[in-house]
PDB file of N, CA and C in Angstrom:
ATOM      1  N   MET A   1       0.838  -1.173   0.000  1.00  0.00           N
ATOM      2  CA  MET A   1       0.000   0.000   0.000  1.00  0.00           C
ATOM      3  C   MET A   1       0.889   1.244   0.000  1.00  0.00           C
ATOM      4  N   ALA A   2       0.651   2.167  -0.919  1.00  0.00           N
ATOM      5  CA  ALA A   2       1.447   3.383  -1.047  1.00  0.00           C
ATOM      6  C   ALA A   2       1.195   4.334   0.113  1.00  0.00           C
ATOM      7  N   ILE A   3       2.182   5.153   0.403  1.00  0.00           N
ATOM      8  CA  ILE A   3       2.100   6.140   1.475  1.00  0.00           C
ATOM      9  C   ILE A   3       2.324   7.520   0.858  1.00  0.00           C
ATOM     10  N   THR A   4       1.443   8.463   1.173  1.00  0.00           N
ATOM     11  CA  THR A   4       1.522   9.815   0.620  1.00  0.00           C
ATOM     12  C   THR A   4       1.810  10.814   1.730  1.00  0.00           C
ATOM     13  N   GLY A   5       2.668  11.784   1.437  1.00  0.00           N
ATOM     14  CA  GLY A   5       2.943  12.890   2.357  1.00  0.00           C
ATOM     15  C   GLY A   5       2.975  14.190   1.590  1.00  0.00           C
ATOM     16  N   THR A   6       2.655  15.299   2.252  1.00  0.00           N
ATOM     17  CA  THR A   6       2.718  16.611   1.610  1.00  0.00           C
ATOM     18  C   THR A   6       3.450  17.592   2.511  1.00  0.00           C
ATOM     19  N   LYS A   7       4.061  18.588   1.886  1.00  0.00           N
ATOM     20  CA  LYS A   7       4.710  19.689   2.597  1.00  0.00           C
ATOM     21  C   LYS A   7       4.410  20.965   1.832  1.00  0.00           C
ATOM     22  N   ILE A   8       4.220  22.057   2.555  1.00  0.00           N
ATOM     23  CA  ILE A   8       4.091  23.364   1.926  1.00  0.00           C
ATOM     24  C   ILE A   8       5.376  24.133   2.216  1.00  0.00           C
ATOM     25  N   PHE A   9       6.008  24.629   1.149  1.00  0.00           N
ATOM     26  CA  PHE A   9       7.227  25.418   1.257  1.00  0.00           C
ATOM     27  C   PHE A   9       6.899  26.857   0.886  1.00  0.00           C
ATOM     28  N   THR A  10       7.325  27.821   1.723  1.00  0.00           N
ATOM     29  CA  THR A  10       7.079  29.232   1.465  1.00  0.00           C
ATOM     30  C   THR A  10       8.403  29.961   1.323  1.00  0.00           C
ATOM     31  N   CYS A  11       8.504  30.797   0.304  1.00  0.00           N
ATOM     32  CA  CYS A  11       9.704  31.579   0.046  1.00  0.00           C
ATOM     33  C   CYS A  11       9.899  32.594   1.165  1.00  0.00           C
ATOM     34  N   ASN A  12      11.134  32.709   1.662  1.00  0.00           N
ATOM     35  CA  ASN A  12      11.437  33.640   2.757  1.00  0.00           C
ATOM     36  C   ASN A  12      11.681  35.075   2.317  1.00  0.00           C
ATOM     37  N   HIS A  13      11.940  35.302   1.036  1.00  0.00           N
ATOM     38  CA  HIS A  13      12.341  36.643   0.628  1.00  0.00           C
ATOM     39  C   HIS A  13      11.284  37.406  -0.156  1.00  0.00           C
ATOM     40  N   GLY A  14      10.051  36.937  -0.140  1.00  0.00           N
ATOM     41  CA  GLY A  14       8.942  37.711  -0.678  1.00  0.00           C
ATOM     42  C   GLY A  14       8.764  37.671  -2.182  1.00  0.00           C
ATOM     43  N   THR A  15       9.540  36.870  -2.894  1.00  0.00           N
ATOM     44  CA  THR A  15       9.392  36.779  -4.340  1.00  0.00           C
ATOM     45  C   THR A  15       8.069  36.092  -4.682  1.00  0.00           C
ATOM     46  N   THR A  16       7.380  36.621  -5.692  1.00  0.00           N
ATOM     47  CA  THR A  16       6.165  35.995  -6.200  1.00  0.00           C
ATOM     48  C   THR A  16       6.498  35.338  -7.532  1.00  0.00           C
ATOM     49  N   TYR A  17       6.099  34.091  -7.691  1.00  0.00           N
ATOM     50  CA  TYR A  17       6.402  33.306  -8.888  1.00  0.00           C
ATOM     51  C   TYR A  17       5.152  33.165  -9.740  1.00  0.00           C
ATOM     52  N   ALA A  18       5.319  33.232 -11.070  1.00  0.00           N
ATOM     53  CA  ALA A  18       4.189  33.115 -11.994  1.00  0.00           C
ATOM     54  C   ALA A  18       3.801  31.666 -12.224  1.00  0.00           C
ATOM     55  N   ASN A  19       4.760  30.757 -12.045  1.00  0.00           N
ATOM     56  CA  ASN A  19       4.491  29.344 -12.286  1.00  0.00           C
ATOM     57  C   ASN A  19       5.493  28.493 -11.516  1.00  0.00           C
ATOM     58  N   VAL A  20       5.238  27.209 -11.453  1.00  0.00           N
ATOM     59  CA  VAL A  20       6.083  26.310 -10.673  1.00  0.00           C
ATOM     60  C   VAL A  20       7.485  26.205 -11.276  1.00  0.00           C
ATOM     61  N   ASP A  21       7.621  26.379 -12.585  1.00  0.00           N
ATOM     62  CA  ASP A  21       8.947  26.329 -13.210  1.00  0.00           C
ATOM     63  C   ASP A  21       9.854  27.441 -12.684  1.00  0.00           C
ATOM     64  N   GLU A  22       9.294  28.619 -12.451  1.00  0.00           N
ATOM     65  CA  GLU A  22      10.074  29.710 -11.863  1.00  0.00           C
ATOM     66  C   GLU A  22      10.530  29.344 -10.450  1.00  0.00           C
ATOM     67  N   TRP A  23       9.638  28.734  -9.669  1.00  0.00           N
ATOM     68  CA  TRP A  23      10.005  28.285  -8.312  1.00  0.00           C
ATOM     69  C   TRP A  23      11.165  27.304  -8.388  1.00  0.00           C
ATOM     70  N   ILE A  24      11.029  26.293  -9.250  1.00  0.00           N
ATOM     71  CA  ILE A  24      12.051  25.247  -9.373  1.00  0.00           C
ATOM     72  C   ILE A  24      13.392  25.845  -9.806  1.00  0.00           C
ATOM     73  N   ALA A  25      13.361  26.815 -10.705  1.00  0.00           N
ATOM     74  CA  ALA A  25      14.601  27.443 -11.163  1.00  0.00           C
ATOM     75  C   ALA A  25      15.359  28.089 -10.007  1.00  0.00           C
ATOM     76  N   GLU A  26      14.643  28.621  -9.036  1.00  0.00           N
ATOM     77  CA  GLU A  26      15.290  29.290  -7.909  1.00  0.00           C
ATOM     78  C   GLU A  26      15.524  28.381  -6.711  1.00  0.00           C
ATOM     79  N   HIS A  27      14.593  27.469  -6.435  1.00  0.00           N
ATOM     80  CA  HIS A  27      14.652  26.673  -5.209  1.00  0.00           C
ATOM     81  C   HIS A  27      14.915  25.188  -5.428  1.00  0.00           C
ATOM     82  N   GLY A  28      14.833  24.726  -6.668  1.00  0.00           N
ATOM     83  CA  GLY A  28      15.005  23.307  -6.934  1.00  0.00           C
ATOM     84  C   GLY A  28      13.700  22.547  -6.772  1.00  0.00           C
ATOM     85  N   TYR A  29      13.818  21.215  -6.816  1.00  0.00           N
ATOM     86  CA  TYR A  29      12.641  20.346  -6.831  1.00  0.00           C
ATOM     87  C   TYR A  29      12.120  19.978  -5.444  1.00  0.00           C
ATOM     88  N   CYS A  30      12.766  20.439  -4.394  1.00  0.00           N
ATOM     89  CA  CYS A  30      12.294  20.206  -3.020  1.00  0.00           C
ATOM     90  C   CYS A  30      12.073  18.727  -2.728  1.00  0.00           C
ATOM     91  N   GLY A  31      12.942  17.888  -3.261  1.00  0.00           N
ATOM     92  CA  GLY A  31      12.885  16.465  -2.976  1.00  0.00           C
ATOM     93  C   GLY A  31      11.913  15.671  -3.814  1.00  0.00           C
ATOM     94  N   THR A  32      11.203  16.308  -4.753  1.00  0.00           N
ATOM     95  CA  THR A  32      10.190  15.595  -5.529  1.00  0.00           C
ATOM     96  C   THR A  32      10.778  14.747  -6.650  1.00  0.00           C
ATOM     97  N   ASN A  33      12.072  14.903  -6.928  1.00  0.00           N
ATOM     98  CA  ASN A  33      12.696  14.092  -7.980  1.00  0.00           C
ATOM     99  C   ASN A  33      13.755  13.160  -7.405  1.00  0.00           C
ATOM    100  N   THR A  34      13.680  12.878  -6.115  1.00  0.00           N
ATOM    101  CA  THR A  34      14.658  12.047  -5.435  1.00  0.00           C
ATOM    102  C   THR A  34      14.360  10.569  -5.677  1.00  0.00           C
ATOM    103  N   GLU A  35      15.411   9.797  -5.896  1.00  0.00           N
ATOM    104  CA  GLU A  35      15.254   8.358  -6.089  1.00  0.00           C
ATOM    105  C   GLU A  35      14.531   7.748  -4.897  1.00  0.00           C
ATOM    106  N   GLY A  36      13.667   6.806  -5.165  1.00  0.00           N
ATOM    107  CA  GLY A  36      12.930   6.130  -4.106  1.00  0.00           C
ATOM    108  C   GLY A  36      11.464   6.514  -4.028  1.00  0.00           C
ATOM    109  N   LEU A  37      11.073   7.551  -4.753  1.00  0.00           N
ATOM    110  CA  LEU A  37       9.666   7.946  -4.788  1.00  0.00           C
ATOM    111  C   LEU A  37       8.940   7.220  -5.910  1.00  0.00           C
ATOM    112  N   ILE A  38       7.688   6.870  -5.677  1.00  0.00           N
ATOM    113  CA  ILE A  38       6.830   6.421  -6.770  1.00  0.00           C
ATOM    114  C   ILE A  38       6.513   7.638  -7.627  1.00  0.00           C
ATOM    115  N   SER A  39       6.181   8.744  -6.951  1.00  0.00           N
ATOM    116  CA  SER A  39       5.960  10.014  -7.653  1.00  0.00           C
ATOM    117  C   SER A  39       6.197  11.167  -6.692  1.00  0.00           C
ATOM    118  N   GLY A  40       6.516  12.308  -7.276  1.00  0.00           N
ATOM    119  CA  GLY A  40       6.699  13.534  -6.509  1.00  0.00           C
ATOM    120  C   GLY A  40       6.333  14.710  -7.388  1.00  0.00           C
ATOM    121  N   THR A  41       5.509  15.616  -6.874  1.00  0.00           N
ATOM    122  CA  THR A  41       5.088  16.771  -7.661  1.00  0.00           C
ATOM    123  C   THR A  41       5.139  18.035  -6.817  1.00  0.00           C
ATOM    124  N   LEU A  42       5.344  19.154  -7.481  1.00  0.00           N
ATOM    125  CA  LEU A  42       5.229  20.471  -6.864  1.00  0.00           C
ATOM    126  C   LEU A  42       4.106  21.222  -7.563  1.00  0.00           C
ATOM    127  N   THR A  43       3.292  21.905  -6.779  1.00  0.00           N
ATOM    128  CA  THR A  43       2.206  22.722  -7.309  1.00  0.00           C
ATOM    129  C   THR A  43       2.336  24.112  -6.715  1.00  0.00           C
ATOM    130  N   LEU A  44       2.361  25.131  -7.573  1.00  0.00           N
ATOM    131  CA  LEU A  44       2.410  26.504  -7.085  1.00  0.00           C
ATOM    132  C   LEU A  44       1.080  26.852  -6.444  1.00  0.00           C
ATOM    133  N   ASN A  45       1.120  27.415  -5.251  1.00  0.00           N
ATOM    134  CA  ASN A  45      -0.096  27.801  -4.543  1.00  0.00           C
ATOM    135  C   ASN A  45      -0.591  29.162  -5.035  1.00  0.00           C
ATOM    136  N   PRO A  46      -1.866  29.483  -4.807  1.00  0.00           N
ATOM    137  CA  PRO A  46      -2.449  30.721  -5.331  1.00  0.00           C
ATOM    138  C   PRO A  46      -1.720  32.002  -4.921  1.00  0.00           C
ATOM    139  N   ASP A  47      -1.025  31.999  -3.776  1.00  0.00           N
ATOM    140  CA  ASP A  47      -0.314  33.206  -3.352  1.00  0.00           C
ATOM    141  C   ASP A  47       0.925  33.490  -4.200  1.00  0.00           C
ATOM    142  N   GLY A  48       1.369  32.497  -4.990  1.00  0.00           N
ATOM    143  CA  GLY A  48       2.553  32.680  -5.830  1.00  0.00           C
ATOM    144  C   GLY A  48       3.863  32.690  -5.058  1.00  0.00           C
ATOM    145  N   GLN A  49       3.804  32.547  -3.737  1.00  0.00           N
ATOM    146  CA  GLN A  49       4.992  32.575  -2.896  1.00  0.00           C
ATOM    147  C   GLN A  49       5.241  31.260  -2.178  1.00  0.00           C
ATOM    148  N   SER A  50       4.452  30.243  -2.504  1.00  0.00           N
ATOM    149  CA  SER A  50       4.632  28.942  -1.871  1.00  0.00           C
ATOM    150  C   SER A  50       4.247  27.832  -2.841  1.00  0.00           C
ATOM    151  N   VAL A  51       4.769  26.645  -2.564  1.00  0.00           N
ATOM    152  CA  VAL A  51       4.420  25.465  -3.340  1.00  0.00           C
ATOM    153  C   VAL A  51       4.024  24.349  -2.389  1.00  0.00           C
ATOM    154  N   THR A  52       3.221  23.430  -2.888  1.00  0.00           N
ATOM    155  CA  THR A  52       2.898  22.215  -2.150  1.00  0.00           C
ATOM    156  C   THR A  52       3.610  21.058  -2.833  1.00  0.00           C
ATOM    157  N   GLY A  53       4.418  20.350  -2.056  1.00  0.00           N
ATOM    158  CA  GLY A  53       5.081  19.149  -2.551  1.00  0.00           C
ATOM    159  C   GLY A  53       4.283  17.938  -2.114  1.00  0.00           C
ATOM    160  N   THR A  54       4.013  17.053  -3.052  1.00  0.00           N
ATOM    161  CA  THR A  54       3.304  15.804  -2.761  1.00  0.00           C
ATOM    162  C   THR A  54       4.240  14.656  -3.088  1.00  0.00           C
ATOM    163  N   TYR A  55       4.413  13.758  -2.128  1.00  0.00           N
ATOM    164  CA  TYR A  55       5.373  12.667  -2.225  1.00  0.00           C
ATOM    165  C   TYR A  55       4.641  11.349  -2.027  1.00  0.00           C
ATOM    166  N   VAL A  56       4.946  10.356  -2.876  1.00  0.00           N
ATOM    167  CA  VAL A  56       4.322   9.040  -2.758  1.00  0.00           C
ATOM    168  C   VAL A  56       5.426   7.985  -2.742  1.00  0.00           C
ATOM    169  N   TRP A  57       5.407   7.156  -1.681  1.00  0.00           N
ATOM    170  CA  TRP A  57       6.367   6.070  -1.514  1.00  0.00           C
ATOM    171  C   TRP A  57       5.611   4.756  -1.490  1.00  0.00           C
ATOM    172  N   SER A  58       6.314   3.654  -1.790  1.00  0.00           N
ATOM    173  CA  SER A  58       5.661   2.346  -1.800  1.00  0.00           C
ATOM    174  C   SER A  58       5.407   1.830  -0.389  1.00  0.00           C
ATOM    175  N   ASP A  59       6.313   2.152   0.572  1.00  0.00           N
ATOM    176  CA  ASP A  59       6.166   1.663   1.941  1.00  0.00           C
ATOM    177  C   ASP A  59       7.129   2.419   2.861  1.00  0.00           C
ATOM    178  N   GLU A  60       7.127   2.099   4.144  1.00  0.00           N
ATOM    179  CA  GLU A  60       7.990   2.784   5.117  1.00  0.00           C
ATOM    180  C   GLU A  60       9.473   2.617   4.781  1.00  0.00           C
ATOM    181  N   ALA A  61       9.873   1.447   4.285  1.00  0.00           N
ATOM    182  CA  ALA A  61      11.277   1.226   3.905  1.00  0.00           C
ATOM    183  C   ALA A  61      11.684   2.177   2.784  1.00  0.00           C
ATOM    184  N   ALA A  62      10.780   2.436   1.854  1.00  0.00           N
ATOM    185  CA  ALA A  62      11.059   3.375   0.762  1.00  0.00           C
ATOM    186  C   ALA A  62      11.210   4.798   1.298  1.00  0.00           C
ATOM    187  N   ILE A  63      10.420   5.168   2.314  1.00  0.00           N
ATOM    188  CA  ILE A  63      10.567   6.492   2.934  1.00  0.00           C
ATOM    189  C   ILE A  63      11.937   6.618   3.578  1.00  0.00           C
ATOM    190  N   ASP A  64      12.361   5.596   4.312  1.00  0.00           N
ATOM    191  CA  ASP A  64      13.678   5.627   4.958  1.00  0.00           C
ATOM    192  C   ASP A  64      14.795   5.754   3.935  1.00  0.00           C
ATOM    193  N   ALA A  65      14.693   5.011   2.825  1.00  0.00           N
ATOM    194  CA  ALA A  65      15.702   5.086   1.764  1.00  0.00           C
ATOM    195  C   ALA A  65      15.694   6.460   1.113  1.00  0.00           C
ATOM    196  N   TRP A  66      14.503   7.030   0.900  1.00  0.00           N
ATOM    197  CA  TRP A  66      14.372   8.366   0.311  1.00  0.00           C
ATOM    198  C   TRP A  66      15.043   9.403   1.199  1.00  0.00           C
ATOM    199  N   LYS A  67      14.801   9.324   2.500  1.00  0.00           N
ATOM    200  CA  LYS A  67      15.420  10.262   3.442  1.00  0.00           C
ATOM    201  C   LYS A  67      16.937  10.141   3.402  1.00  0.00           C
ATOM    202  N   ALA A  68      17.447   8.921   3.309  1.00  0.00           N
ATOM    203  CA  ALA A  68      18.891   8.686   3.289  1.00  0.00           C
ATOM    204  C   ALA A  68      19.536   9.206   2.007  1.00  0.00           C
ATOM    205  N   ASN A  69      18.785   9.283   0.902  1.00  0.00           N
ATOM    206  CA  ASN A  69      19.337   9.703  -0.385  1.00  0.00           C
ATOM    207  C   ASN A  69      19.201  11.195  -0.662  1.00  0.00           C
ATOM    208  N   ARG A  70      18.535  11.931   0.207  1.00  0.00           N
ATOM    209  CA  ARG A  70      18.377  13.370  -0.031  1.00  0.00           C
ATOM    210  C   ARG A  70      19.724  14.063   0.061  1.00  0.00           C
ATOM    211  N   THR A  71      19.914  15.066  -0.759  1.00  0.00           N
ATOM    212  CA  THR A  71      21.136  15.852  -0.770  1.00  0.00           C
ATOM    213  C   THR A  71      20.977  17.039   0.168  1.00  0.00           C
ATOM    214  N   ALA A  72      21.991  17.272   0.981  1.00  0.00           N
ATOM    215  CA  ALA A  72      21.953  18.438   1.883  1.00  0.00           C
ATOM    216  C   ALA A  72      22.042  19.721   1.051  1.00  0.00           C
ATOM    217  N   PHE A  73      21.332  20.766   1.474  1.00  0.00           N
ATOM    218  CA  PHE A  73      21.361  22.047   0.770  1.00  0.00           C
ATOM    219  C   PHE A  73      20.980  23.159   1.735  1.00  0.00           C
ATOM    220  N   THR A  74      21.257  24.379   1.338  1.00  0.00           N
ATOM    221  CA  THR A  74      20.853  25.536   2.124  1.00  0.00           C
ATOM    222  C   THR A  74      19.457  25.937   1.676  1.00  0.00           C
ATOM    223  N   ARG A  75      18.540  26.008   2.598  1.00  0.00           N
ATOM    224  CA  ARG A  75      17.159  26.333   2.258  1.00  0.00           C
ATOM    225  C   ARG A  75      16.959  27.832   2.121  1.00  0.00           C
ATOM    226  N   ASN A  76      16.249  28.220   1.073  1.00  0.00           N
ATOM    227  CA  ASN A  76      15.839  29.604   0.870  1.00  0.00           C
ATOM    228  C   ASN A  76      14.361  29.766   1.159  1.00  0.00           C
ATOM    229  N   TYR A  77      13.792  28.814   1.870  1.00  0.00           N
ATOM    230  CA  TYR A  77      12.366  28.818   2.161  1.00  0.00           C
ATOM    231  C   TYR A  77      12.142  28.075   3.465  1.00  0.00           C
ATOM    232  N   THR A  78      10.953  28.169   3.970  1.00  0.00           N
ATOM    233  CA  THR A  78      10.591  27.536   5.222  1.00  0.00           C
ATOM    234  C   THR A  78       9.466  26.553   4.976  1.00  0.00           C
ATOM    235  N   THR A  79       9.557  25.384   5.575  1.00  0.00           N
ATOM    236  CA  THR A  79       8.441  24.448   5.539  1.00  0.00           C
ATOM    237  C   THR A  79       7.417  24.949   6.541  1.00  0.00           C
ATOM    238  N   VAL A  80       6.235  25.304   6.064  1.00  0.00           N
ATOM    239  CA  VAL A  80       5.241  25.880   6.964  1.00  0.00           C
ATOM    240  C   VAL A  80       4.151  24.894   7.354  1.00  0.00           C
ATOM    241  N   GLU A  81       4.095  23.777   6.676  1.00  0.00           N
ATOM    242  CA  GLU A  81       3.081  22.793   7.021  1.00  0.00           C
ATOM    243  C   GLU A  81       3.556  21.423   6.542  1.00  0.00           C
ATOM    244  N   LYS A  82       3.291  20.420   7.329  1.00  0.00           N
ATOM    245  CA  LYS A  82       3.604  19.049   6.930  1.00  0.00           C
ATOM    246  C   LYS A  82       2.423  18.174   7.318  1.00  0.00           C
ATOM    247  N   SER A  83       1.917  17.452   6.354  1.00  0.00           N
ATOM    248  CA  SER A  83       0.771  16.589   6.658  1.00  0.00           C
ATOM    249  C   SER A  83       1.263  15.291   7.257  1.00  0.00           C
ATOM    250  N   GLU A  84       0.362  14.609   7.896  1.00  0.00           N
ATOM    251  CA  GLU A  84       0.651  13.254   8.355  1.00  0.00           C
ATOM    252  C   GLU A  84       0.694  12.352   7.129  1.00  0.00           C
ATOM    253  N   LEU A  85       1.523  11.347   7.198  1.00  0.00           N
ATOM    254  CA  LEU A  85       1.561  10.385   6.110  1.00  0.00           C
ATOM    255  C   LEU A  85       0.269   9.588   6.128  1.00  0.00           C
ATOM    256  N   SER A  86      -0.209   9.270   4.950  1.00  0.00           N
ATOM    257  CA  SER A  86      -1.426   8.472   4.882  1.00  0.00           C
ATOM    258  C   SER A  86      -1.243   7.349   3.867  1.00  0.00           C
ATOM    259  N   SER A  87      -1.757   6.202   4.187  1.00  0.00           N
ATOM    260  CA  SER A  87      -1.716   5.076   3.253  1.00  0.00           C
ATOM    261  C   SER A  87      -2.858   5.200   2.275  1.00  0.00           C
ATOM    262  N   VAL A  88      -2.542   4.931   1.010  1.00  0.00           N
ATOM    263  CA  VAL A  88      -3.589   5.005  -0.027  1.00  0.00           C
ATOM    264  C   VAL A  88      -3.688   3.690  -0.756  1.00  0.00           C
TER     265      VAL A  88
END
């Protein structure tokens, strides 16, 4: 059974983005293209200053592997919300 998680990332410096591609160009994929995911997507929120990342893993072991494979980076944004993981 797949497990889904979401995070909302908000830009700290007040920039408004017209589309998710502009966000990605400045902030990267926020872990949505990391090995170990079944799928990962970013959606620009209506305020233009935040995105919602949706992550889908096959199981808890896949989440642990995904966490281990993430690359360290300096964040230019703050995670303002994190949902509970849910099985789908």
